[in-house]
């Protein structure tokens, strides 16, 4: 089952996700750019390539994929 309806990269390394249930979430990735898992996202042009297949947020045509759960951890744990 897919959860993400749309994803929009925003300025300052924020990501707007519209969920299938109608809610929206803004994920601020900027606090995670120092971590190896998120380091590629520090490249602003790469960050702007964000898309979704409904289950993952995908950057660079599949080079980096993060699940909804991984992104929600960023929201909840900062």
PDB file of N, CA and C in Angstrom:
ATOM      1  N   UNK A   1       0.843  -1.184   0.000  1.00  0.00           N
ATOM      2  CA  UNK A   1       0.000   0.000   0.000  1.00  0.00           C
ATOM      3  C   UNK A   1       0.888   1.246   0.000  1.00  0.00           C
ATOM      4  N   UNK A   2       0.586   2.182  -0.866  1.00  0.00           N
ATOM      5  CA  UNK A   2       1.370   3.405  -0.930  1.00  0.00           C
ATOM      6  C   UNK A   2       0.785   4.451   0.023  1.00  0.00           C
ATOM      7  N   UNK A   3       1.666   5.270   0.563  1.00  0.00           N
ATOM      8  CA  UNK A   3       1.283   6.259   1.562  1.00  0.00           C
ATOM      9  C   UNK A   3       1.452   7.697   1.087  1.00  0.00           C
ATOM     10  N   UNK A   4       2.431   7.931   0.228  1.00  0.00           N
ATOM     11  CA  UNK A   4       2.762   9.290  -0.188  1.00  0.00           C
ATOM     12  C   UNK A   4       2.077   9.598  -1.511  1.00  0.00           C
ATOM     13  N   UNK A   5       1.328  10.681  -1.527  1.00  0.00           N
ATOM     14  CA  UNK A   5       0.639  11.095  -2.759  1.00  0.00           C
ATOM     15  C   UNK A   5       1.565  11.967  -3.609  1.00  0.00           C
ATOM     16  N   UNK A   6       2.139  13.008  -2.998  1.00  0.00           N
ATOM     17  CA  UNK A   6       3.072  13.888  -3.710  1.00  0.00           C
ATOM     18  C   UNK A   6       4.189  14.310  -2.777  1.00  0.00           C
ATOM     19  N   UNK A   7       5.275  14.728  -3.376  1.00  0.00           N
ATOM     20  CA  UNK A   7       6.403  15.265  -2.622  1.00  0.00           C
ATOM     21  C   UNK A   7       6.922  16.492  -3.365  1.00  0.00           C
ATOM     22  N   UNK A   8       7.179  17.556  -2.601  1.00  0.00           N
ATOM     23  CA  UNK A   8       7.661  18.806  -3.195  1.00  0.00           C
ATOM     24  C   UNK A   8       8.887  19.271  -2.414  1.00  0.00           C
ATOM     25  N   UNK A   9      10.057  19.316  -3.066  1.00  0.00           N
ATOM     26  CA  UNK A   9      11.229  19.867  -2.398  1.00  0.00           C
ATOM     27  C   UNK A   9      11.070  21.380  -2.251  1.00  0.00           C
ATOM     28  N   UNK A  10      11.395  21.885  -1.062  1.00  0.00           N
ATOM     29  CA  UNK A  10      11.264  23.311  -0.768  1.00  0.00           C
ATOM     30  C   UNK A  10      12.638  23.879  -0.415  1.00  0.00           C
ATOM     31  N   UNK A  11      12.705  25.197  -0.244  1.00  0.00           N
ATOM     32  CA  UNK A  11      13.986  25.807   0.106  1.00  0.00           C
ATOM     33  C   UNK A  11      14.402  25.401   1.524  1.00  0.00           C
ATOM     34  N   UNK A  12      15.677  25.586   1.808  1.00  0.00           N
ATOM     35  CA  UNK A  12      16.254  25.283   3.119  1.00  0.00           C
ATOM     36  C   UNK A  12      16.135  23.810   3.479  1.00  0.00           C
ATOM     37  N   UNK A  13      16.205  22.948   2.471  1.00  0.00           N
ATOM     38  CA  UNK A  13      16.206  21.490   2.666  1.00  0.00           C
ATOM     39  C   UNK A  13      14.981  20.982   3.408  1.00  0.00           C
ATOM     40  N   UNK A  14      13.842  21.558   3.069  1.00  0.00           N
ATOM     41  CA  UNK A  14      12.568  21.064   3.606  1.00  0.00           C
ATOM     42  C   UNK A  14      11.836  20.326   2.494  1.00  0.00           C
ATOM     43  N   UNK A  15      11.078  19.341   2.897  1.00  0.00           N
ATOM     44  CA  UNK A  15      10.352  18.505   1.961  1.00  0.00           C
ATOM     45  C   UNK A  15       8.887  18.489   2.377  1.00  0.00           C
ATOM     46  N   UNK A  16       8.010  18.865   1.467  1.00  0.00           N
ATOM     47  CA  UNK A  16       6.566  18.832   1.722  1.00  0.00           C
ATOM     48  C   UNK A  16       6.027  17.523   1.167  1.00  0.00           C
ATOM     49  N   UNK A  17       5.443  16.721   2.040  1.00  0.00           N
ATOM     50  CA  UNK A  17       4.841  15.459   1.608  1.00  0.00           C
ATOM     51  C   UNK A  17       3.340  15.522   1.843  1.00  0.00           C
ATOM     52  N   UNK A  18       2.579  15.231   0.795  1.00  0.00           N
ATOM     53  CA  UNK A  18       1.136  15.092   0.929  1.00  0.00           C
ATOM     54  C   UNK A  18       0.852  13.599   0.985  1.00  0.00           C
ATOM     55  N   UNK A  19       0.183  13.183   2.035  1.00  0.00           N
ATOM     56  CA  UNK A  19      -0.076  11.771   2.245  1.00  0.00           C
ATOM     57  C   UNK A  19      -1.411  11.372   1.614  1.00  0.00           C
ATOM     58  N   UNK A  20      -1.559  10.089   1.304  1.00  0.00           N
ATOM     59  CA  UNK A  20      -2.789   9.584   0.674  1.00  0.00           C
ATOM     60  C   UNK A  20      -4.012   9.855   1.535  1.00  0.00           C
ATOM     61  N   UNK A  21      -3.847   9.876   2.868  1.00  0.00           N
ATOM     62  CA  UNK A  21      -4.971  10.120   3.767  1.00  0.00           C
ATOM     63  C   UNK A  21      -5.408  11.568   3.836  1.00  0.00           C
ATOM     64  N   UNK A  22      -4.670  12.472   3.144  1.00  0.00           N
ATOM     65  CA  UNK A  22      -5.053  13.874   3.110  1.00  0.00           C
ATOM     66  C   UNK A  22      -4.203  14.792   3.974  1.00  0.00           C
ATOM     67  N   UNK A  23      -3.406  14.241   4.867  1.00  0.00           N
ATOM     68  CA  UNK A  23      -2.566  15.093   5.710  1.00  0.00           C
ATOM     69  C   UNK A  23      -1.298  15.504   4.958  1.00  0.00           C
ATOM     70  N   UNK A  24      -0.674  16.571   5.434  1.00  0.00           N
ATOM     71  CA  UNK A  24       0.593  17.014   4.870  1.00  0.00           C
ATOM     72  C   UNK A  24       1.633  17.061   5.982  1.00  0.00           C
ATOM     73  N   UNK A  25       2.865  16.807   5.592  1.00  0.00           N
ATOM     74  CA  UNK A  25       3.982  16.803   6.535  1.00  0.00           C
ATOM     75  C   UNK A  25       5.116  17.578   5.903  1.00  0.00           C
ATOM     76  N   UNK A  26       5.755  18.444   6.684  1.00  0.00           N
ATOM     77  CA  UNK A  26       6.973  19.113   6.229  1.00  0.00           C
ATOM     78  C   UNK A  26       8.134  18.515   7.010  1.00  0.00           C
ATOM     79  N   UNK A  27       9.090  17.969   6.272  1.00  0.00           N
ATOM     80  CA  UNK A  27      10.269  17.352   6.869  1.00  0.00           C
ATOM     81  C   UNK A  27      11.448  18.278   6.644  1.00  0.00           C
ATOM     82  N   UNK A  28      12.096  18.697   7.724  1.00  0.00           N
ATOM     83  CA  UNK A  28      13.291  19.547   7.638  1.00  0.00           C
ATOM     84  C   UNK A  28      14.510  18.642   7.687  1.00  0.00           C
ATOM     85  N   UNK A  29      15.121  18.434   6.540  1.00  0.00           N
ATOM     86  CA  UNK A  29      16.273  17.542   6.424  1.00  0.00           C
ATOM     87  C   UNK A  29      17.569  18.242   6.835  1.00  0.00           C
ATOM     88  N   UNK A  30      17.559  19.557   6.940  1.00  0.00           N
ATOM     89  CA  UNK A  30      18.793  20.318   7.153  1.00  0.00           C
ATOM     90  C   UNK A  30      19.579  19.860   8.386  1.00  0.00           C
ATOM     91  N   UNK A  31      18.887  19.414   9.414  1.00  0.00           N
ATOM     92  CA  UNK A  31      19.574  18.985  10.634  1.00  0.00           C
ATOM     93  C   UNK A  31      20.234  17.616  10.476  1.00  0.00           C
ATOM     94  N   UNK A  32      19.981  16.919   9.385  1.00  0.00           N
ATOM     95  CA  UNK A  32      20.525  15.577   9.167  1.00  0.00           C
ATOM     96  C   UNK A  32      21.606  15.523   8.087  1.00  0.00           C
ATOM     97  N   UNK A  33      21.918  16.636   7.461  1.00  0.00           N
ATOM     98  CA  UNK A  33      22.836  16.625   6.327  1.00  0.00           C
ATOM     99  C   UNK A  33      24.247  16.190   6.702  1.00  0.00           C
ATOM    100  N   UNK A  34      24.597  16.256   7.980  1.00  0.00           N
ATOM    101  CA  UNK A  34      25.924  15.830   8.423  1.00  0.00           C
ATOM    102  C   UNK A  34      26.025  14.305   8.531  1.00  0.00           C
ATOM    103  N   UNK A  35      24.891  13.619   8.609  1.00  0.00           N
ATOM    104  CA  UNK A  35      24.877  12.162   8.723  1.00  0.00           C
ATOM    105  C   UNK A  35      25.125  11.538   7.347  1.00  0.00           C
ATOM    106  N   UNK A  36      25.897  10.468   7.309  1.00  0.00           N
ATOM    107  CA  UNK A  36      26.261   9.840   6.045  1.00  0.00           C
ATOM    108  C   UNK A  36      25.034   9.460   5.209  1.00  0.00           C
ATOM    109  N   UNK A  37      24.008   8.974   5.846  1.00  0.00           N
ATOM    110  CA  UNK A  37      22.796   8.543   5.149  1.00  0.00           C
ATOM    111  C   UNK A  37      22.159   9.676   4.345  1.00  0.00           C
ATOM    112  N   UNK A  38      22.269  10.913   4.831  1.00  0.00           N
ATOM    113  CA  UNK A  38      21.613  12.068   4.208  1.00  0.00           C
ATOM    114  C   UNK A  38      22.595  13.008   3.510  1.00  0.00           C
ATOM    115  N   UNK A  39      23.882  12.704   3.537  1.00  0.00           N
ATOM    116  CA  UNK A  39      24.915  13.623   3.060  1.00  0.00           C
ATOM    117  C   UNK A  39      24.721  14.060   1.610  1.00  0.00           C
ATOM    118  N   UNK A  40      24.295  13.160   0.740  1.00  0.00           N
ATOM    119  CA  UNK A  40      24.088  13.523  -0.669  1.00  0.00           C
ATOM    120  C   UNK A  40      23.064  14.630  -0.837  1.00  0.00           C
ATOM    121  N   UNK A  41      22.137  14.733   0.107  1.00  0.00           N
ATOM    122  CA  UNK A  41      21.075  15.735   0.008  1.00  0.00           C
ATOM    123  C   UNK A  41      21.588  17.151   0.250  1.00  0.00           C
ATOM    124  N   UNK A  42      22.818  17.292   0.724  1.00  0.00           N
ATOM    125  CA  UNK A  42      23.403  18.622   0.918  1.00  0.00           C
ATOM    126  C   UNK A  42      23.598  19.345  -0.420  1.00  0.00           C
ATOM    127  N   UNK A  43      23.685  18.585  -1.501  1.00  0.00           N
ATOM    128  CA  UNK A  43      23.758  19.166  -2.838  1.00  0.00           C
ATOM    129  C   UNK A  43      22.341  19.624  -3.193  1.00  0.00           C
ATOM    130  N   UNK A  44      22.150  20.923  -3.235  1.00  0.00           N
ATOM    131  CA  UNK A  44      20.811  21.484  -3.423  1.00  0.00           C
ATOM    132  C   UNK A  44      20.148  21.013  -4.716  1.00  0.00           C
ATOM    133  N   UNK A  45      20.911  20.901  -5.776  1.00  0.00           N
ATOM    134  CA  UNK A  45      20.332  20.441  -7.047  1.00  0.00           C
ATOM    135  C   UNK A  45      19.889  18.983  -6.936  1.00  0.00           C
ATOM    136  N   UNK A  46      20.657  18.170  -6.242  1.00  0.00           N
ATOM    137  CA  UNK A  46      20.271  16.775  -6.022  1.00  0.00           C
ATOM    138  C   UNK A  46      19.016  16.711  -5.159  1.00  0.00           C
ATOM    139  N   UNK A  47      18.959  17.535  -4.109  1.00  0.00           N
ATOM    140  CA  UNK A  47      17.792  17.565  -3.227  1.00  0.00           C
ATOM    141  C   UNK A  47      16.519  17.878  -4.014  1.00  0.00           C
ATOM    142  N   UNK A  48      16.624  18.764  -4.979  1.00  0.00           N
ATOM    143  CA  UNK A  48      15.464  19.182  -5.773  1.00  0.00           C
ATOM    144  C   UNK A  48      14.932  18.091  -6.700  1.00  0.00           C
ATOM    145  N   UNK A  49      15.647  16.978  -6.846  1.00  0.00           N
ATOM    146  CA  UNK A  49      15.189  15.899  -7.721  1.00  0.00           C
ATOM    147  C   UNK A  49      14.182  14.978  -7.027  1.00  0.00           C
ATOM    148  N   UNK A  50      13.758  15.316  -5.814  1.00  0.00           N
ATOM    149  CA  UNK A  50      12.855  14.456  -5.036  1.00  0.00           C
ATOM    150  C   UNK A  50      11.558  14.146  -5.784  1.00  0.00           C
ATOM    151  N   UNK A  51      11.238  12.865  -5.810  1.00  0.00           N
ATOM    152  CA  UNK A  51       9.973  12.374  -6.353  1.00  0.00           C
ATOM    153  C   UNK A  51       9.488  11.259  -5.428  1.00  0.00           C
ATOM    154  N   UNK A  52       8.361  10.675  -5.740  1.00  0.00           N
ATOM    155  CA  UNK A  52       7.872   9.545  -4.946  1.00  0.00           C
ATOM    156  C   UNK A  52       7.257   8.493  -5.848  1.00  0.00           C
ATOM    157  N   UNK A  53       7.317   7.258  -5.368  1.00  0.00           N
ATOM    158  CA  UNK A  53       6.598   6.167  -6.024  1.00  0.00           C
ATOM    159  C   UNK A  53       5.422   5.731  -5.156  1.00  0.00           C
ATOM    160  N   UNK A  54       5.158   6.522  -4.111  1.00  0.00           N
ATOM    161  CA  UNK A  54       4.071   6.230  -3.195  1.00  0.00           C
ATOM    162  C   UNK A  54       4.541   5.593  -1.895  1.00  0.00           C
ATOM    163  N   UNK A  55       5.616   4.830  -1.972  1.00  0.00           N
ATOM    164  CA  UNK A  55       6.172   4.174  -0.787  1.00  0.00           C
ATOM    165  C   UNK A  55       7.470   4.826  -0.327  1.00  0.00           C
ATOM    166  N   UNK A  56       8.226   5.355  -1.257  1.00  0.00           N
ATOM    167  CA  UNK A  56       9.527   5.957  -0.971  1.00  0.00           C
ATOM    168  C   UNK A  56       9.574   7.377  -1.507  1.00  0.00           C
ATOM    169  N   UNK A  57      10.440   8.207  -0.893  1.00  0.00           N
ATOM    170  CA  UNK A  57      10.857   9.452  -1.522  1.00  0.00           C
ATOM    171  C   UNK A  57      12.183   9.101  -2.183  1.00  0.00           C
ATOM    172  N   UNK A  58      12.300   9.449  -3.449  1.00  0.00           N
ATOM    173  CA  UNK A  58      13.420   9.014  -4.276  1.00  0.00           C
ATOM    174  C   UNK A  58      14.141  10.234  -4.836  1.00  0.00           C
ATOM    175  N   UNK A  59      15.468  10.207  -4.750  1.00  0.00           N
ATOM    176  CA  UNK A  59      16.301  11.269  -5.308  1.00  0.00           C
ATOM    177  C   UNK A  59      17.236  10.671  -6.352  1.00  0.00           C
ATOM    178  N   UNK A  60      17.554  11.486  -7.348  1.00  0.00           N
ATOM    179  CA  UNK A  60      18.535  11.080  -8.351  1.00  0.00           C
ATOM    180  C   UNK A  60      18.136   9.849  -9.134  1.00  0.00           C
ATOM    181  N   UNK A  61      16.850   9.718  -9.431  1.00  0.00           N
ATOM    182  CA  UNK A  61      16.394   8.588 -10.221  1.00  0.00           C
ATOM    183  C   UNK A  61      16.569   7.240  -9.547  1.00  0.00           C
ATOM    184  N   UNK A  62      16.631   7.234  -8.227  1.00  0.00           N
ATOM    185  CA  UNK A  62      16.747   5.978  -7.485  1.00  0.00           C
ATOM    186  C   UNK A  62      18.058   5.824  -6.738  1.00  0.00           C
ATOM    187  N   UNK A  63      18.948   6.788  -6.887  1.00  0.00           N
ATOM    188  CA  UNK A  63      20.247   6.703  -6.205  1.00  0.00           C
ATOM    189  C   UNK A  63      20.085   6.736  -4.692  1.00  0.00           C
ATOM    190  N   UNK A  64      19.096   7.487  -4.191  1.00  0.00           N
ATOM    191  CA  UNK A  64      18.801   7.538  -2.760  1.00  0.00           C
ATOM    192  C   UNK A  64      17.304   7.369  -2.586  1.00  0.00           C
ATOM    193  N   UNK A  65      16.924   6.453  -1.691  1.00  0.00           N
ATOM    194  CA  UNK A  65      15.515   6.171  -1.422  1.00  0.00           C
ATOM    195  C   UNK A  65      15.310   6.136   0.083  1.00  0.00           C
ATOM    196  N   UNK A  66      14.308   6.869   0.557  1.00  0.00           N
ATOM    197  CA  UNK A  66      13.970   6.871   1.980  1.00  0.00           C
ATOM    198  C   UNK A  66      12.494   6.538   2.147  1.00  0.00           C
ATOM    199  N   UNK A  67      12.189   5.732   3.145  1.00  0.00           N
ATOM    200  CA  UNK A  67      10.803   5.351   3.412  1.00  0.00           C
ATOM    201  C   UNK A  67      10.100   6.450   4.200  1.00  0.00           C
ATOM    202  N   UNK A  68       8.788   6.354   4.252  1.00  0.00           N
ATOM    203  CA  UNK A  68       7.992   7.265   5.070  1.00  0.00           C
ATOM    204  C   UNK A  68       8.460   7.180   6.522  1.00  0.00           C
ATOM    205  N   UNK A  69       8.694   5.980   7.016  1.00  0.00           N
ATOM    206  CA  UNK A  69       9.125   5.812   8.405  1.00  0.00           C
ATOM    207  C   UNK A  69      10.447   6.509   8.679  1.00  0.00           C
ATOM    208  N   UNK A  70      11.404   6.386   7.760  1.00  0.00           N
ATOM    209  CA  UNK A  70      12.691   7.065   7.930  1.00  0.00           C
ATOM    210  C   UNK A  70      12.515   8.577   7.989  1.00  0.00           C
ATOM    211  N   UNK A  71      11.659   9.102   7.132  1.00  0.00           N
ATOM    212  CA  UNK A  71      11.433  10.552   7.111  1.00  0.00           C
ATOM    213  C   UNK A  71      10.636  11.013   8.329  1.00  0.00           C
ATOM    214  N   UNK A  72       9.717  10.208   8.791  1.00  0.00           N
ATOM    215  CA  UNK A  72       8.966  10.581  10.000  1.00  0.00           C
ATOM    216  C   UNK A  72       9.871  10.579  11.230  1.00  0.00           C
ATOM    217  N   UNK A  73      10.886   9.743  11.260  1.00  0.00           N
ATOM    218  CA  UNK A  73      11.863   9.779  12.351  1.00  0.00           C
ATOM    219  C   UNK A  73      12.555  11.135  12.405  1.00  0.00           C
ATOM    220  N   UNK A  74      12.838  11.702  11.231  1.00  0.00           N
ATOM    221  CA  UNK A  74      13.463  13.041  11.177  1.00  0.00           C
ATOM    222  C   UNK A  74      12.508  14.056  11.796  1.00  0.00           C
ATOM    223  N   UNK A  75      11.223  13.941  11.490  1.00  0.00           N
ATOM    224  CA  UNK A  75      10.228  14.870  12.040  1.00  0.00           C
ATOM    225  C   UNK A  75      10.134  14.724  13.550  1.00  0.00           C
ATOM    226  N   UNK A  76      10.068  13.495  14.019  1.00  0.00           N
ATOM    227  CA  UNK A  76       9.835  13.256  15.443  1.00  0.00           C
ATOM    228  C   UNK A  76      11.084  13.403  16.296  1.00  0.00           C
ATOM    229  N   UNK A  77      12.241  12.998  15.776  1.00  0.00           N
ATOM    230  CA  UNK A  77      13.462  13.017  16.577  1.00  0.00           C
ATOM    231  C   UNK A  77      14.363  14.190  16.274  1.00  0.00           C
ATOM    232  N   UNK A  78      14.134  14.833  15.120  1.00  0.00           N
ATOM    233  CA  UNK A  78      14.921  16.004  14.752  1.00  0.00           C
ATOM    234  C   UNK A  78      16.336  15.748  14.477  1.00  0.00           C
TER     235      UNK A  78
END
